[in-house]
């Protein structure tokens, strides 16, 4: 018995598809599930305050500067020896 995501093959070699042959009904079911999953009511993200946004910006700026400087130092050490 071999199986995969879309169906299975039994010992007689008959392929059984995951939809059971009714592709239209299956697509409606899958699309309905996907719609419900993507648009389900959940806790919605909230926007950052001005201060929080600036703090995130400064943090990214500093971490980016540190990482870039470190990368240049490493490249120089490797190149010069």
N, C-alpha and C. Protein backbone atom coordinates (compact mmCIF):
# COMPACT_ATOMS: atom_id res chain seq x y z
N UNK A 1 0.85 -1.18 0.00
CA UNK A 1 0.00 0.00 0.00
C UNK A 1 0.89 1.23 0.00
N UNK A 2 0.73 2.05 -1.00
CA UNK A 2 1.47 3.29 -1.10
C UNK A 2 0.49 4.43 -0.95
N UNK A 3 0.90 5.46 -0.24
CA UNK A 3 0.01 6.60 -0.10
C UNK A 3 0.83 7.88 -0.16
N UNK A 4 0.17 8.95 -0.48
CA UNK A 4 0.80 10.26 -0.46
C UNK A 4 -0.25 11.26 -0.01
N UNK A 5 0.02 12.51 -0.26
CA UNK A 5 -0.88 13.55 0.22
C UNK A 5 -2.24 13.48 -0.47
N UNK A 6 -2.26 13.09 -1.74
CA UNK A 6 -3.48 13.21 -2.54
C UNK A 6 -4.32 11.95 -2.58
N UNK A 7 -3.79 10.82 -2.17
CA UNK A 7 -4.57 9.60 -2.22
C UNK A 7 -3.71 8.40 -1.91
N UNK A 8 -4.23 7.22 -2.26
CA UNK A 8 -3.49 6.00 -1.99
C UNK A 8 -3.75 4.97 -3.08
N UNK A 9 -2.88 3.97 -3.14
CA UNK A 9 -3.00 2.87 -4.09
C UNK A 9 -3.10 1.60 -3.26
N UNK A 10 -4.18 0.83 -3.49
CA UNK A 10 -4.32 -0.41 -2.71
C UNK A 10 -3.56 -1.55 -3.39
N UNK A 11 -3.66 -2.76 -2.82
CA UNK A 11 -2.89 -3.90 -3.31
C UNK A 11 -3.29 -4.30 -4.73
N UNK A 12 -4.52 -4.03 -5.14
CA UNK A 12 -4.96 -4.36 -6.49
C UNK A 12 -4.57 -3.29 -7.51
N UNK A 13 -3.95 -2.22 -7.07
CA UNK A 13 -3.51 -1.16 -7.97
C UNK A 13 -4.55 -0.09 -8.22
N UNK A 14 -5.63 -0.10 -7.44
CA UNK A 14 -6.68 0.90 -7.62
C UNK A 14 -6.28 2.17 -6.87
N UNK A 15 -6.34 3.29 -7.59
CA UNK A 15 -5.99 4.57 -7.00
C UNK A 15 -7.23 5.18 -6.36
N UNK A 16 -7.12 5.54 -5.10
CA UNK A 16 -8.20 6.20 -4.39
C UNK A 16 -7.76 7.64 -4.13
N UNK A 17 -8.46 8.58 -4.74
CA UNK A 17 -8.10 9.99 -4.59
C UNK A 17 -8.71 10.52 -3.31
N UNK A 18 -8.07 11.53 -2.76
CA UNK A 18 -8.51 12.10 -1.49
C UNK A 18 -9.93 12.67 -1.57
N UNK A 19 -10.35 13.09 -2.76
CA UNK A 19 -11.68 13.68 -2.90
C UNK A 19 -12.77 12.63 -3.02
N UNK A 20 -12.39 11.37 -3.23
CA UNK A 20 -13.39 10.34 -3.45
C UNK A 20 -14.05 10.48 -4.80
N UNK A 21 -13.47 11.22 -5.71
CA UNK A 21 -14.00 11.37 -7.06
C UNK A 21 -14.85 12.61 -7.25
N UNK A 22 -15.28 13.26 -6.18
CA UNK A 22 -16.14 14.43 -6.30
C UNK A 22 -15.27 15.68 -6.13
N UNK A 23 -14.64 16.08 -7.23
CA UNK A 23 -13.69 17.18 -7.16
C UNK A 23 -14.36 18.51 -6.87
N UNK A 24 -15.58 18.71 -7.38
CA UNK A 24 -16.27 19.98 -7.17
C UNK A 24 -16.59 20.18 -5.68
N UNK A 25 -17.16 19.16 -5.06
CA UNK A 25 -17.50 19.26 -3.64
C UNK A 25 -16.25 19.43 -2.80
N UNK A 26 -15.19 18.73 -3.18
CA UNK A 26 -13.95 18.83 -2.42
C UNK A 26 -13.38 20.24 -2.50
N UNK A 27 -13.42 20.85 -3.68
CA UNK A 27 -12.87 22.20 -3.82
C UNK A 27 -13.68 23.20 -3.01
N UNK A 28 -14.99 23.00 -2.96
CA UNK A 28 -15.83 23.89 -2.14
C UNK A 28 -15.46 23.73 -0.67
N UNK A 29 -15.27 22.49 -0.24
CA UNK A 29 -14.92 22.23 1.16
C UNK A 29 -13.56 22.83 1.50
N UNK A 30 -12.58 22.60 0.64
CA UNK A 30 -11.23 23.09 0.90
C UNK A 30 -11.21 24.61 0.88
N UNK A 31 -11.88 25.22 -0.10
CA UNK A 31 -11.90 26.68 -0.17
C UNK A 31 -12.62 27.28 1.03
N UNK A 32 -13.69 26.62 1.47
CA UNK A 32 -14.40 27.10 2.64
C UNK A 32 -13.55 27.03 3.89
N UNK A 33 -12.82 25.91 4.03
CA UNK A 33 -11.92 25.77 5.18
C UNK A 33 -10.83 26.83 5.14
N UNK A 34 -10.25 27.04 3.94
CA UNK A 34 -9.18 28.01 3.81
C UNK A 34 -9.69 29.42 4.12
N UNK A 35 -10.88 29.75 3.62
CA UNK A 35 -11.45 31.06 3.91
C UNK A 35 -11.67 31.24 5.41
N UNK A 36 -12.23 30.22 6.04
CA UNK A 36 -12.46 30.31 7.48
C UNK A 36 -11.15 30.42 8.25
N UNK A 37 -10.14 29.69 7.78
CA UNK A 37 -8.86 29.71 8.47
C UNK A 37 -8.19 31.07 8.33
N UNK A 38 -8.21 31.63 7.12
CA UNK A 38 -7.52 32.90 6.89
C UNK A 38 -8.25 34.09 7.50
N UNK A 39 -9.58 34.04 7.53
CA UNK A 39 -10.34 35.19 7.99
C UNK A 39 -10.98 34.97 9.35
N UNK A 40 -10.50 33.98 10.09
CA UNK A 40 -11.06 33.70 11.41
C UNK A 40 -10.82 34.89 12.34
N UNK A 41 -11.80 35.12 13.20
CA UNK A 41 -11.64 36.20 14.16
C UNK A 41 -10.57 35.81 15.17
N UNK A 42 -9.61 36.64 15.31
CA UNK A 42 -8.53 36.41 16.26
C UNK A 42 -8.13 37.75 16.85
N UNK A 43 -7.23 37.72 17.77
CA UNK A 43 -6.78 38.99 18.32
C UNK A 43 -6.04 39.74 17.22
N UNK A 44 -6.53 40.88 16.90
CA UNK A 44 -5.95 41.67 15.82
C UNK A 44 -4.73 42.42 16.33
N UNK A 45 -3.70 42.51 15.52
CA UNK A 45 -2.53 43.26 15.95
C UNK A 45 -2.86 44.75 16.09
N UNK A 46 -2.20 45.39 17.01
CA UNK A 46 -2.42 46.81 17.20
C UNK A 46 -1.20 47.57 16.74
N UNK A 47 -1.42 48.77 16.30
CA UNK A 47 -0.31 49.60 15.84
C UNK A 47 0.55 50.01 17.02
N UNK A 48 1.83 50.20 16.74
CA UNK A 48 2.74 50.66 17.77
C UNK A 48 2.50 52.15 18.03
N UNK A 49 2.80 52.55 19.23
CA UNK A 49 2.74 53.98 19.53
C UNK A 49 3.93 54.66 18.86
N UNK A 50 3.93 55.96 18.85
CA UNK A 50 5.03 56.71 18.25
C UNK A 50 6.35 56.36 18.93
N UNK A 51 6.33 56.32 20.25
CA UNK A 51 7.56 56.03 21.00
C UNK A 51 8.03 54.61 20.71
N UNK A 52 7.11 53.65 20.69
CA UNK A 52 7.49 52.27 20.40
C UNK A 52 8.05 52.13 18.99
N UNK A 53 7.44 52.81 18.04
CA UNK A 53 7.93 52.76 16.67
C UNK A 53 9.32 53.33 16.55
N UNK A 54 9.56 54.43 17.23
CA UNK A 54 10.91 55.02 17.20
C UNK A 54 11.92 54.12 17.89
N UNK A 55 11.51 53.48 18.97
CA UNK A 55 12.41 52.55 19.67
C UNK A 55 12.78 51.37 18.78
N UNK A 56 11.81 50.86 18.04
CA UNK A 56 12.09 49.77 17.11
C UNK A 56 13.04 50.24 16.03
N UNK A 57 12.82 51.44 15.51
CA UNK A 57 13.70 51.98 14.48
C UNK A 57 15.12 52.16 14.96
N UNK A 58 15.29 52.71 16.15
CA UNK A 58 16.63 52.91 16.71
C UNK A 58 17.31 51.57 16.95
N UNK A 59 16.56 50.61 17.46
CA UNK A 59 17.12 49.28 17.71
C UNK A 59 17.61 48.64 16.42
N UNK A 60 16.79 48.69 15.38
CA UNK A 60 17.19 48.12 14.09
C UNK A 60 18.41 48.84 13.53
N UNK A 61 18.41 50.14 13.66
CA UNK A 61 19.54 50.94 13.16
C UNK A 61 20.83 50.54 13.87
N UNK A 62 20.77 50.44 15.19
CA UNK A 62 21.97 50.10 15.96
C UNK A 62 22.43 48.67 15.68
N UNK A 63 21.50 47.73 15.67
CA UNK A 63 21.88 46.34 15.40
C UNK A 63 22.43 46.19 13.99
N UNK A 64 21.84 46.89 13.03
CA UNK A 64 22.35 46.85 11.66
C UNK A 64 23.74 47.44 11.57
N UNK A 65 23.97 48.54 12.27
CA UNK A 65 25.30 49.15 12.27
C UNK A 65 26.34 48.25 12.90
N UNK A 66 25.97 47.62 14.02
CA UNK A 66 26.91 46.71 14.69
C UNK A 66 27.23 45.52 13.78
N UNK A 67 26.21 44.92 13.19
CA UNK A 67 26.42 43.76 12.33
C UNK A 67 27.25 44.12 11.10
N UNK A 68 26.97 45.28 10.50
CA UNK A 68 27.72 45.69 9.31
C UNK A 68 29.17 45.98 9.66
N UNK A 69 29.40 46.69 10.76
CA UNK A 69 30.78 46.98 11.18
C UNK A 69 31.54 45.69 11.47
N UNK A 70 30.90 44.77 12.18
CA UNK A 70 31.53 43.49 12.49
C UNK A 70 31.86 42.72 11.21
N UNK A 71 30.95 42.75 10.23
CA UNK A 71 31.20 42.05 8.97
C UNK A 71 32.41 42.65 8.25
N UNK A 72 32.54 43.97 8.26
CA UNK A 72 33.70 44.59 7.61
C UNK A 72 34.99 44.26 8.35
N UNK A 73 34.96 44.25 9.68
CA UNK A 73 36.15 43.86 10.44
C UNK A 73 36.55 42.42 10.14
N UNK A 74 35.58 41.53 10.10
CA UNK A 74 35.89 40.13 9.78
C UNK A 74 36.47 40.00 8.38
N UNK A 75 35.87 40.71 7.42
CA UNK A 75 36.37 40.65 6.04
C UNK A 75 37.80 41.17 5.97
N UNK A 76 38.09 42.24 6.70
CA UNK A 76 39.46 42.80 6.69
C UNK A 76 40.44 41.84 7.34
N UNK A 77 40.05 41.23 8.45
CA UNK A 77 40.93 40.28 9.13
C UNK A 77 41.22 39.09 8.21
N UNK A 78 40.20 38.60 7.53
CA UNK A 78 40.39 37.46 6.62
C UNK A 78 41.25 37.86 5.44
N UNK A 79 41.02 39.07 4.89
CA UNK A 79 41.76 39.50 3.70
C UNK A 79 43.22 39.81 4.03
N UNK A 80 43.45 40.51 5.12
CA UNK A 80 44.81 40.93 5.47
C UNK A 80 45.57 39.78 6.14
N UNK A 81 44.86 39.03 6.94
CA UNK A 81 45.50 37.88 7.59
C UNK A 81 45.81 38.20 8.95
